PDB file of N, CA and C in Angstrom:
ATOM      1  N   UNK A   1     -82.367-111.005-132.062  1.00  0.00           N
ATOM      2  CA  UNK A   1     -83.228-110.942-133.261  1.00  0.00           C
ATOM      3  C   UNK A   1     -84.510-111.633-132.960  1.00  0.00           C
ATOM      4  N   UNK A   2     -84.564-112.759-132.253  1.00  0.00           N
ATOM      5  CA  UNK A   2     -85.766-113.383-131.930  1.00  0.00           C
ATOM      6  C   UNK A   2     -86.723-112.466-131.144  1.00  0.00           C
ATOM      7  N   UNK A   3     -86.187-111.718-130.207  1.00  0.00           N
ATOM      8  CA  UNK A   3     -86.966-110.787-129.427  1.00  0.00           C
ATOM      9  C   UNK A   3     -87.562-109.697-130.298  1.00  0.00           C
ATOM     10  N   UNK A   4     -87.020-109.453-131.496  1.00  0.00           N
ATOM     11  CA  UNK A   4     -87.532-108.472-132.394  1.00  0.00           C
ATOM     12  C   UNK A   4     -88.491-109.057-133.442  1.00  0.00           C
ATOM     13  N   UNK A   5     -88.814-110.395-133.267  1.00  0.00           N
ATOM     14  CA  UNK A   5     -89.793-111.023-134.148  1.00  0.00           C
ATOM     15  C   UNK A   5     -89.220-111.802-135.269  1.00  0.00           C
ATOM     16  N   UNK A   6     -87.925-111.927-135.386  1.00  0.00           N
ATOM     17  CA  UNK A   6     -87.267-112.670-136.487  1.00  0.00           C
ATOM     18  C   UNK A   6     -87.158-114.166-136.108  1.00  0.00           C
ATOM     19  N   UNK A   7     -87.356-115.018-137.088  1.00  0.00           N
ATOM     20  CA  UNK A   7     -87.172-116.461-136.876  1.00  0.00           C
ATOM     21  C   UNK A   7     -85.680-116.704-137.171  1.00  0.00           C
ATOM     22  N   UNK A   8     -84.948-117.301-136.242  1.00  0.00           N
ATOM     23  CA  UNK A   8     -83.506-117.425-136.313  1.00  0.00           C
ATOM     24  C   UNK A   8     -83.176-118.900-136.387  1.00  0.00           C
ATOM     25  N   UNK A   9     -82.294-119.234-137.298  1.00  0.00           N
ATOM     26  CA  UNK A   9     -81.764-120.604-137.386  1.00  0.00           C
ATOM     27  C   UNK A   9     -80.249-120.403-137.435  1.00  0.00           C
ATOM     28  N   UNK A  10     -79.568-121.055-136.496  1.00  0.00           N
ATOM     29  CA  UNK A  10     -78.076-120.868-136.369  1.00  0.00           C
ATOM     30  C   UNK A  10     -77.332-122.134-136.765  1.00  0.00           C
ATOM     31  N   UNK A  11     -76.173-121.945-137.286  1.00  0.00           N
ATOM     32  CA  UNK A  11     -75.221-123.023-137.595  1.00  0.00           C
ATOM     33  C   UNK A  11     -73.820-122.619-137.230  1.00  0.00           C
ATOM     34  N   UNK A  12     -73.169-123.355-136.406  1.00  0.00           N
ATOM     35  CA  UNK A  12     -71.776-123.108-136.116  1.00  0.00           C
ATOM     36  C   UNK A  12     -70.961-123.651-137.282  1.00  0.00           C
ATOM     37  N   UNK A  13     -70.037-122.815-137.748  1.00  0.00           N
ATOM     38  CA  UNK A  13     -69.225-123.178-138.898  1.00  0.00           C
ATOM     39  C   UNK A  13     -67.784-123.166-138.503  1.00  0.00           C
ATOM     40  N   UNK A  14     -66.973-124.090-139.032  1.00  0.00           N
ATOM     41  CA  UNK A  14     -65.579-124.171-138.701  1.00  0.00           C
ATOM     42  C   UNK A  14     -64.816-123.106-139.540  1.00  0.00           C
ATOM     43  N   UNK A  15     -65.200-122.862-140.762  1.00  0.00           N
ATOM     44  CA  UNK A  15     -64.462-121.980-141.598  1.00  0.00           C
ATOM     45  C   UNK A  15     -65.230-120.666-141.824  1.00  0.00           C
ATOM     46  N   UNK A  16     -65.118-119.728-140.890  1.00  0.00           N
ATOM     47  CA  UNK A  16     -65.845-118.510-141.025  1.00  0.00           C
ATOM     48  C   UNK A  16     -65.326-117.614-142.157  1.00  0.00           C
ATOM     49  N   UNK A  17     -64.091-117.733-142.443  1.00  0.00           N
ATOM     50  CA  UNK A  17     -63.489-116.940-143.580  1.00  0.00           C
ATOM     51  C   UNK A  17     -64.183-117.321-144.895  1.00  0.00           C
ATOM     52  N   UNK A  18     -64.398-118.618-145.097  1.00  0.00           N
ATOM     53  CA  UNK A  18     -65.113-119.059-146.347  1.00  0.00           C
ATOM     54  C   UNK A  18     -66.536-118.483-146.334  1.00  0.00           C
ATOM     55  N   UNK A  19     -67.210-118.584-145.196  1.00  0.00           N
ATOM     56  CA  UNK A  19     -68.624-118.069-145.120  1.00  0.00           C
ATOM     57  C   UNK A  19     -68.664-116.606-145.453  1.00  0.00           C
ATOM     58  N   UNK A  20     -67.785-115.848-144.869  1.00  0.00           N
ATOM     59  CA  UNK A  20     -67.767-114.371-145.110  1.00  0.00           C
ATOM     60  C   UNK A  20     -67.452-114.045-146.541  1.00  0.00           C
ATOM     61  N   UNK A  21     -66.479-114.722-147.106  1.00  0.00           N
ATOM     62  CA  UNK A  21     -66.135-114.475-148.553  1.00  0.00           C
ATOM     63  C   UNK A  21     -67.289-114.851-149.456  1.00  0.00           C
ATOM     64  N   UNK A  22     -67.921-116.036-149.177  1.00  0.00           N
ATOM     65  CA  UNK A  22     -69.041-116.484-149.988  1.00  0.00           C
ATOM     66  C   UNK A  22     -70.206-115.527-149.889  1.00  0.00           C
ATOM     67  N   UNK A  23     -70.389-114.891-148.729  1.00  0.00           N
ATOM     68  CA  UNK A  23     -71.478-113.943-148.540  1.00  0.00           C
ATOM     69  C   UNK A  23     -71.174-112.548-149.015  1.00  0.00           C
ATOM     70  N   UNK A  24     -69.931-112.350-149.494  1.00  0.00           N
ATOM     71  CA  UNK A  24     -69.529-111.053-150.095  1.00  0.00           C
ATOM     72  C   UNK A  24     -69.160-109.946-149.094  1.00  0.00           C
ATOM     73  N   UNK A  25     -68.764-110.333-147.880  1.00  0.00           N
ATOM     74  CA  UNK A  25     -68.452-109.339-146.819  1.00  0.00           C
ATOM     75  C   UNK A  25     -67.026-108.835-147.096  1.00  0.00           C
ATOM     76  N   UNK A  26     -66.858-107.492-147.337  1.00  0.00           N
ATOM     77  CA  UNK A  26     -65.537-106.948-147.544  1.00  0.00           C
ATOM     78  C   UNK A  26     -64.690-107.193-146.231  1.00  0.00           C
ATOM     79  N   UNK A  27     -63.393-107.370-146.425  1.00  0.00           N
ATOM     80  CA  UNK A  27     -62.494-107.645-145.303  1.00  0.00           C
ATOM     81  C   UNK A  27     -62.607-106.604-144.196  1.00  0.00           C
ATOM     82  N   UNK A  28     -62.661-105.314-144.575  1.00  0.00           N
ATOM     83  CA  UNK A  28     -62.664-104.272-143.583  1.00  0.00           C
ATOM     84  C   UNK A  28     -63.986-104.177-142.804  1.00  0.00           C
ATOM     85  N   UNK A  29     -65.013-104.847-143.250  1.00  0.00           N
ATOM     86  CA  UNK A  29     -66.267-104.844-142.508  1.00  0.00           C
ATOM     87  C   UNK A  29     -66.573-106.122-141.751  1.00  0.00           C
ATOM     88  N   UNK A  30     -65.669-107.063-141.747  1.00  0.00           N
ATOM     89  CA  UNK A  30     -65.923-108.333-141.130  1.00  0.00           C
ATOM     90  C   UNK A  30     -66.007-108.191-139.625  1.00  0.00           C
ATOM     91  N   UNK A  31     -66.823-109.060-139.017  1.00  0.00           N
ATOM     92  CA  UNK A  31     -66.995-109.067-137.601  1.00  0.00           C
ATOM     93  C   UNK A  31     -67.234-110.474-137.131  1.00  0.00           C
ATOM     94  N   UNK A  32     -68.005-110.716-136.140  1.00  0.00           N
ATOM     95  CA  UNK A  32     -68.110-112.007-135.512  1.00  0.00           C
ATOM     96  C   UNK A  32     -69.223-112.913-136.017  1.00  0.00           C
ATOM     97  N   UNK A  33     -70.306-112.357-136.579  1.00  0.00           N
ATOM     98  CA  UNK A  33     -71.461-113.144-136.982  1.00  0.00           C
ATOM     99  C   UNK A  33     -71.757-112.807-138.458  1.00  0.00           C
ATOM    100  N   UNK A  34     -72.237-113.807-139.196  1.00  0.00           N
ATOM    101  CA  UNK A  34     -72.655-113.519-140.586  1.00  0.00           C
ATOM    102  C   UNK A  34     -74.023-114.180-140.740  1.00  0.00           C
ATOM    103  N   UNK A  35     -74.970-113.467-141.270  1.00  0.00           N
ATOM    104  CA  UNK A  35     -76.382-114.020-141.483  1.00  0.00           C
ATOM    105  C   UNK A  35     -76.784-113.620-142.882  1.00  0.00           C
ATOM    106  N   UNK A  36     -77.712-114.427-143.380  1.00  0.00           N
ATOM    107  CA  UNK A  36     -78.394-114.104-144.654  1.00  0.00           C
ATOM    108  C   UNK A  36     -79.858-113.945-144.323  1.00  0.00           C
ATOM    109  N   UNK A  37     -80.428-112.726-144.635  1.00  0.00           N
ATOM    110  CA  UNK A  37     -81.837-112.474-144.426  1.00  0.00           C
ATOM    111  C   UNK A  37     -82.445-112.003-145.708  1.00  0.00           C
ATOM    112  N   UNK A  38     -83.343-112.813-146.224  1.00  0.00           N
ATOM    113  CA  UNK A  38     -84.049-112.493-147.458  1.00  0.00           C
ATOM    114  C   UNK A  38     -83.138-112.011-148.584  1.00  0.00           C
ATOM    115  N   UNK A  39     -81.978-112.674-148.731  1.00  0.00           N
ATOM    116  CA  UNK A  39     -81.083-112.399-149.790  1.00  0.00           C
ATOM    117  C   UNK A  39     -79.982-111.379-149.451  1.00  0.00           C
ATOM    118  N   UNK A  40     -80.120-110.686-148.335  1.00  0.00           N
ATOM    119  CA  UNK A  40     -79.111-109.713-147.902  1.00  0.00           C
ATOM    120  C   UNK A  40     -78.141-110.342-146.868  1.00  0.00           C
ATOM    121  N   UNK A  41     -76.882-109.932-146.915  1.00  0.00           N
ATOM    122  CA  UNK A  41     -75.917-110.373-145.957  1.00  0.00           C
ATOM    123  C   UNK A  41     -75.932-109.420-144.809  1.00  0.00           C
ATOM    124  N   UNK A  42     -75.892-109.975-143.558  1.00  0.00           N
ATOM    125  CA  UNK A  42     -75.855-109.158-142.356  1.00  0.00           C
ATOM    126  C   UNK A  42     -74.665-109.548-141.584  1.00  0.00           C
ATOM    127  N   UNK A  43     -73.748-108.670-141.341  1.00  0.00           N
ATOM    128  CA  UNK A  43     -72.454-108.974-140.700  1.00  0.00           C
ATOM    129  C   UNK A  43     -72.306-108.233-139.339  1.00  0.00           C
ATOM    130  N   UNK A  44     -72.064-108.929-138.337  1.00  0.00           N
ATOM    131  CA  UNK A  44     -71.841-108.407-136.985  1.00  0.00           C
ATOM    132  C   UNK A  44     -73.050-108.064-136.271  1.00  0.00           C
ATOM    133  N   UNK A  45     -72.962-107.146-135.308  1.00  0.00           N
ATOM    134  CA  UNK A  45     -74.022-106.758-134.382  1.00  0.00           C
ATOM    135  C   UNK A  45     -74.916-105.626-134.954  1.00  0.00           C
ATOM    136  N   UNK A  46     -75.606-105.966-136.105  1.00  0.00           N
ATOM    137  CA  UNK A  46     -76.484-105.022-136.733  1.00  0.00           C
ATOM    138  C   UNK A  46     -77.825-104.965-136.005  1.00  0.00           C
ATOM    139  N   UNK A  47     -78.281-103.769-135.629  1.00  0.00           N
ATOM    140  CA  UNK A  47     -79.524-103.665-134.875  1.00  0.00           C
ATOM    141  C   UNK A  47     -80.724-104.012-135.766  1.00  0.00           C
ATOM    142  N   UNK A  48     -81.748-104.540-135.132  1.00  0.00           N
ATOM    143  CA  UNK A  48     -82.961-104.946-135.865  1.00  0.00           C
ATOM    144  C   UNK A  48     -83.577-103.764-136.584  1.00  0.00           C
ATOM    145  N   UNK A  49     -83.454-102.536-136.005  1.00  0.00           N
ATOM    146  CA  UNK A  49     -84.023-101.398-136.724  1.00  0.00           C
ATOM    147  C   UNK A  49     -83.391-101.135-138.081  1.00  0.00           C
ATOM    148  N   UNK A  50     -82.102-101.393-138.188  1.00  0.00           N
ATOM    149  CA  UNK A  50     -81.407-101.286-139.502  1.00  0.00           C
ATOM    150  C   UNK A  50     -81.859-102.344-140.474  1.00  0.00           C
ATOM    151  N   UNK A  51     -82.018-103.592-139.958  1.00  0.00           N
ATOM    152  CA  UNK A  51     -82.463-104.675-140.841  1.00  0.00           C
ATOM    153  C   UNK A  51     -83.943-104.422-141.276  1.00  0.00           C
ATOM    154  N   UNK A  52     -84.762-103.946-140.340  1.00  0.00           N
ATOM    155  CA  UNK A  52     -86.144-103.583-140.715  1.00  0.00           C
ATOM    156  C   UNK A  52     -86.153-102.530-141.854  1.00  0.00           C
ATOM    157  N   UNK A  53     -85.325-101.531-141.734  1.00  0.00           N
ATOM    158  CA  UNK A  53     -85.250-100.469-142.766  1.00  0.00           C
ATOM    159  C   UNK A  53     -84.749-101.071-144.078  1.00  0.00           C
ATOM    160  N   UNK A  54     -83.728-101.899-143.953  1.00  0.00           N
ATOM    161  CA  UNK A  54     -83.217-102.563-145.226  1.00  0.00           C
ATOM    162  C   UNK A  54     -84.322-103.340-145.902  1.00  0.00           C
ATOM    163  N   UNK A  55     -85.041-104.132-145.211  1.00  0.00           N
ATOM    164  CA  UNK A  55     -86.035-104.967-145.813  1.00  0.00           C
ATOM    165  C   UNK A  55     -87.275-104.173-146.303  1.00  0.00           C
ATOM    166  N   UNK A  56     -87.500-103.030-145.618  1.00  0.00           N
ATOM    167  CA  UNK A  56     -88.610-102.152-146.080  1.00  0.00           C
ATOM    168  C   UNK A  56     -88.243-101.412-147.334  1.00  0.00           C
ATOM    169  N   UNK A  57     -87.032-100.851-147.373  1.00  0.00           N
ATOM    170  CA  UNK A  57     -86.590-100.000-148.507  1.00  0.00           C
ATOM    171  C   UNK A  57     -85.978-100.796-149.686  1.00  0.00           C
ATOM    172  N   UNK A  58     -85.405-101.909-149.400  1.00  0.00           N
ATOM    173  CA  UNK A  58     -84.811-102.832-150.401  1.00  0.00           C
ATOM    174  C   UNK A  58     -83.791-102.065-151.341  1.00  0.00           C
ATOM    175  N   UNK A  59     -82.788-101.390-150.757  1.00  0.00           N
ATOM    176  CA  UNK A  59     -81.828-100.704-151.581  1.00  0.00           C
ATOM    177  C   UNK A  59     -80.989-101.750-152.371  1.00  0.00           C
ATOM    178  N   UNK A  60     -80.325-101.273-153.374  1.00  0.00           N
ATOM    179  CA  UNK A  60     -79.504-102.095-154.241  1.00  0.00           C
ATOM    180  C   UNK A  60     -78.110-102.273-153.599  1.00  0.00           C
ATOM    181  N   UNK A  61     -78.082-103.003-152.478  1.00  0.00           N
ATOM    182  CA  UNK A  61     -76.838-103.263-151.776  1.00  0.00           C
ATOM    183  C   UNK A  61     -76.765-104.818-151.497  1.00  0.00           C
ATOM    184  N   UNK A  62     -75.553-105.256-151.248  1.00  0.00           N
ATOM    185  CA  UNK A  62     -75.381-106.682-150.884  1.00  0.00           C
ATOM    186  C   UNK A  62     -75.756-106.929-149.466  1.00  0.00           C
ATOM    187  N   UNK A  63     -75.480-105.984-148.560  1.00  0.00           N
ATOM    188  CA  UNK A  63     -75.825-106.195-147.197  1.00  0.00           C
ATOM    189  C   UNK A  63     -75.465-105.044-146.284  1.00  0.00           C
ATOM    190  N   UNK A  64     -75.572-105.342-144.939  1.00  0.00           N
ATOM    191  CA  UNK A  64     -75.205-104.384-143.916  1.00  0.00           C
ATOM    192  C   UNK A  64     -74.162-105.002-143.002  1.00  0.00           C
ATOM    193  N   UNK A  65     -73.361-104.153-142.356  1.00  0.00           N
ATOM    194  CA  UNK A  65     -72.328-104.630-141.478  1.00  0.00           C
ATOM    195  C   UNK A  65     -72.091-103.612-140.362  1.00  0.00           C
ATOM    196  N   UNK A  66     -71.780-104.122-139.150  1.00  0.00           N
ATOM    197  CA  UNK A  66     -71.264-103.342-138.087  1.00  0.00           C
ATOM    198  C   UNK A  66     -69.910-103.940-137.794  1.00  0.00           C
ATOM    199  N   UNK A  67     -68.816-103.363-138.277  1.00  0.00           N
ATOM    200  CA  UNK A  67     -67.476-103.850-138.117  1.00  0.00           C
ATOM    201  C   UNK A  67     -67.103-103.848-136.592  1.00  0.00           C
ATOM    202  N   UNK A  68     -66.327-104.803-136.215  1.00  0.00           N
ATOM    203  CA  UNK A  68     -65.917-104.900-134.803  1.00  0.00           C
ATOM    204  C   UNK A  68     -67.098-105.280-133.921  1.00  0.00           C
ATOM    205  N   UNK A  69     -66.991-104.933-132.664  1.00  0.00           N
ATOM    206  CA  UNK A  69     -68.065-105.186-131.756  1.00  0.00           C
ATOM    207  C   UNK A  69     -68.190-104.019-130.808  1.00  0.00           C
ATOM    208  N   UNK A  70     -68.772-102.917-131.338  1.00  0.00           N
ATOM    209  CA  UNK A  70     -68.881-101.686-130.547  1.00  0.00           C
ATOM    210  C   UNK A  70     -69.737-101.882-129.291  1.00  0.00           C
ATOM    211  N   UNK A  71     -69.299-101.344-128.181  1.00  0.00           N
ATOM    212  CA  UNK A  71     -70.065-101.362-126.958  1.00  0.00           C
ATOM    213  C   UNK A  71     -71.283-100.562-127.165  1.00  0.00           C
ATOM    214  N   UNK A  72     -72.473-101.171-126.868  1.00  0.00           N
ATOM    215  CA  UNK A  72     -73.737-100.505-127.037  1.00  0.00           C
ATOM    216  C   UNK A  72     -74.517-101.099-128.243  1.00  0.00           C
ATOM    217  N   UNK A  73     -73.855-101.860-129.103  1.00  0.00           N
ATOM    218  CA  UNK A  73     -74.568-102.511-130.191  1.00  0.00           C
ATOM    219  C   UNK A  73     -75.284-103.711-129.644  1.00  0.00           C
ATOM    220  N   UNK A  74     -76.331-104.267-130.333  1.00  0.00           N
ATOM    221  CA  UNK A  74     -77.109-105.348-129.790  1.00  0.00           C
ATOM    222  C   UNK A  74     -76.213-106.551-129.436  1.00  0.00           C
ATOM    223  N   UNK A  75     -76.354-107.046-128.240  1.00  0.00           N
ATOM    224  CA  UNK A  75     -75.532-108.155-127.766  1.00  0.00           C
ATOM    225  C   UNK A  75     -74.242-107.725-127.138  1.00  0.00           C
ATOM    226  N   UNK A  76     -73.916-106.423-127.254  1.00  0.00           N
ATOM    227  CA  UNK A  76     -72.638-105.880-126.722  1.00  0.00           C
ATOM    228  C   UNK A  76     -72.961-104.771-125.710  1.00  0.00           C
ATOM    229  N   UNK A  77     -74.087-104.899-125.013  1.00  0.00           N
ATOM    230  CA  UNK A  77     -74.413-103.881-123.989  1.00  0.00           C
ATOM    231  C   UNK A  77     -73.373-103.831-122.920  1.00  0.00           C
ATOM    232  N   UNK A  78     -73.223-102.659-122.393  1.00  0.00           N
ATOM    233  CA  UNK A  78     -72.235-102.579-121.274  1.00  0.00           C
ATOM    234  C   UNK A  78     -71.995-101.104-120.903  1.00  0.00           C
ATOM    235  N   UNK A  79     -71.097-100.931-119.955  1.00  0.00           N
ATOM    236  CA  UNK A  79     -70.846 -99.478-119.578  1.00  0.00           C
ATOM    237  C   UNK A  79     -70.169 -98.807-120.739  1.00  0.00           C
ATOM    238  N   UNK A  80     -70.331 -97.492-120.747  1.00  0.00           N
ATOM    239  CA  UNK A  80     -69.664 -96.578-121.683  1.00  0.00           C
ATOM    240  C   UNK A  80     -69.978 -96.982-123.135  1.00  0.00           C
ATOM    241  N   UNK A  81     -71.230 -97.012-123.523  1.00  0.00           N
ATOM    242  CA  UNK A  81     -71.574 -97.328-124.939  1.00  0.00           C
ATOM    243  C   UNK A  81     -70.987 -96.281-125.833  1.00  0.00           C
ATOM    244  N   UNK A  82     -70.715 -96.680-127.095  1.00  0.00           N
ATOM    245  CA  UNK A  82     -70.136 -95.774-128.044  1.00  0.00           C
ATOM    246  C   UNK A  82     -71.031 -95.630-129.251  1.00  0.00           C
ATOM    247  N   UNK A  83     -70.954 -94.485-129.880  1.00  0.00           N
ATOM    248  CA  UNK A  83     -71.704 -94.307-131.168  1.00  0.00           C
ATOM    249  C   UNK A  83     -71.047 -95.199-132.238  1.00  0.00           C
ATOM    250  N   UNK A  84     -71.789 -95.666-133.202  1.00  0.00           N
ATOM    251  CA  UNK A  84     -71.246 -96.487-134.242  1.00  0.00           C
ATOM    252  C   UNK A  84     -72.068 -96.367-135.523  1.00  0.00           C
ATOM    253  N   UNK A  85     -71.510 -96.816-136.596  1.00  0.00           N
ATOM    254  CA  UNK A  85     -72.198 -96.789-137.860  1.00  0.00           C
ATOM    255  C   UNK A  85     -72.580 -98.173-138.336  1.00  0.00           C
ATOM    256  N   UNK A  86     -73.719 -98.267-138.937  1.00  0.00           N
ATOM    257  CA  UNK A  86     -74.088 -99.486-139.643  1.00  0.00           C
ATOM    258  C   UNK A  86     -73.732 -99.179-141.135  1.00  0.00           C
ATOM    259  N   UNK A  87     -72.887 -99.989-141.717  1.00  0.00           N
ATOM    260  CA  UNK A  87     -72.381 -99.770-143.055  1.00  0.00           C
ATOM    261  C   UNK A  87     -73.185-100.635-144.086  1.00  0.00           C
ATOM    262  N   UNK A  88     -73.450-100.083-145.195  1.00  0.00           N
ATOM    263  CA  UNK A  88     -73.960-100.895-146.344  1.00  0.00           C
ATOM    264  C   UNK A  88     -72.822-101.169-147.241  1.00  0.00           C
ATOM    265  N   UNK A  89     -72.886-102.268-147.963  1.00  0.00           N
ATOM    266  CA  UNK A  89     -71.824-102.631-148.957  1.00  0.00           C
ATOM    267  C   UNK A  89     -72.462-103.218-150.175  1.00  0.00           C
ATOM    268  N   UNK A  90     -71.806-103.033-151.289  1.00  0.00           N
ATOM    269  CA  UNK A  90     -72.340-103.511-152.567  1.00  0.00           C
ATOM    270  C   UNK A  90     -71.507-104.723-153.074  1.00  0.00           C
ATOM    271  N   UNK A  91     -71.882-105.226-154.244  1.00  0.00           N
ATOM    272  CA  UNK A  91     -71.222-106.419-154.793  1.00  0.00           C
ATOM    273  C   UNK A  91     -69.766-106.139-155.050  1.00  0.00           C
ATOM    274  N   UNK A  92     -69.375-104.890-155.360  1.00  0.00           N
ATOM    275  CA  UNK A  92     -67.982-104.527-155.637  1.00  0.00           C
ATOM    276  C   UNK A  92     -67.180-104.294-154.359  1.00  0.00           C
ATOM    277  N   UNK A  93     -67.829-104.415-153.178  1.00  0.00           N
ATOM    278  CA  UNK A  93     -67.137-104.177-151.906  1.00  0.00           C
ATOM    279  C   UNK A  93     -67.104-102.689-151.456  1.00  0.00           C
ATOM    280  N   UNK A  94     -67.723-101.843-152.229  1.00  0.00           N
ATOM    281  CA  UNK A  94     -67.806-100.414-151.837  1.00  0.00           C
ATOM    282  C   UNK A  94     -68.793-100.293-150.668  1.00  0.00           C
ATOM    283  N   UNK A  95     -68.419 -99.408-149.679  1.00  0.00           N
ATOM    284  CA  UNK A  95     -69.238 -99.287-148.533  1.00  0.00           C
ATOM    285  C   UNK A  95     -69.626 -97.842-148.264  1.00  0.00           C
ATOM    286  N   UNK A  96     -70.683 -97.632-147.534  1.00  0.00           N
ATOM    287  CA  UNK A  96     -71.097 -96.292-147.135  1.00  0.00           C
ATOM    288  C   UNK A  96     -71.963 -96.430-145.903  1.00  0.00           C
ATOM    289  N   UNK A  97     -72.094 -95.299-145.163  1.00  0.00           N
ATOM    290  CA  UNK A  97     -72.861 -95.313-143.946  1.00  0.00           C
ATOM    291  C   UNK A  97     -74.377 -95.457-144.325  1.00  0.00           C
ATOM    292  N   UNK A  98     -74.989 -96.480-143.731  1.00  0.00           N
ATOM    293  CA  UNK A  98     -76.434 -96.756-143.929  1.00  0.00           C
ATOM    294  C   UNK A  98     -77.207 -96.115-142.786  1.00  0.00           C
ATOM    295  N   UNK A  99     -76.689 -96.174-141.555  1.00  0.00           N
ATOM    296  CA  UNK A  99     -77.352 -95.647-140.389  1.00  0.00           C
ATOM    297  C   UNK A  99     -76.314 -95.343-139.338  1.00  0.00           C
ATOM    298  N   UNK A 100     -76.487 -94.155-138.680  1.00  0.00           N
ATOM    299  CA  UNK A 100     -75.555 -93.867-137.531  1.00  0.00           C
ATOM    300  C   UNK A 100     -76.349 -94.042-136.330  1.00  0.00           C
ATOM    301  N   UNK A 101     -75.689 -94.684-135.321  1.00  0.00           N
ATOM    302  CA  UNK A 101     -76.338 -94.919-134.042  1.00  0.00           C
ATOM    303  C   UNK A 101     -75.587 -94.094-132.996  1.00  0.00           C
ATOM    304  N   UNK A 102     -76.212 -93.023-132.503  1.00  0.00           N
ATOM    305  CA  UNK A 102     -75.512 -92.179-131.508  1.00  0.00           C
ATOM    306  C   UNK A 102     -75.590 -92.879-130.108  1.00  0.00           C
ATOM    307  N   UNK A 103     -74.768 -92.373-129.186  1.00  0.00           N
ATOM    308  CA  UNK A 103     -74.814 -92.938-127.851  1.00  0.00           C
ATOM    309  C   UNK A 103     -76.109 -92.451-127.194  1.00  0.00           C
ATOM    310  N   UNK A 104     -76.814 -93.360-126.584  1.00  0.00           N
ATOM    311  CA  UNK A 104     -78.043 -92.986-125.859  1.00  0.00           C
ATOM    312  C   UNK A 104     -77.672 -92.477-124.505  1.00  0.00           C
ATOM    313  N   UNK A 105     -78.192 -91.287-124.214  1.00  0.00           N
ATOM    314  CA  UNK A 105     -77.906 -90.713-122.909  1.00  0.00           C
ATOM    315  C   UNK A 105     -79.117 -90.776-122.025  1.00  0.00           C
TER     316      UNK A 105
END
């Protein structure tokens, strides 16, 4: 995120379950990292391009998530990248595809 121009402040937390619940992340969308950016919750390996679009468009959602840790997502580079979805979610925990990231060939 820093390489994409974002100022990043990190805190290691002992109780990630509490952090994720407090941030409104639905159970099925939980991953390894939780961030708050300008009032939106960002969960997992969400690419900067999705966050840029979120902040530009400002949809009525709670946040974005990339569940799991798909190979090819930011920070998870490696052989055999896979296509994955960035999911948006609302206050009620409903989710939908915000952005689809195909495999780069």
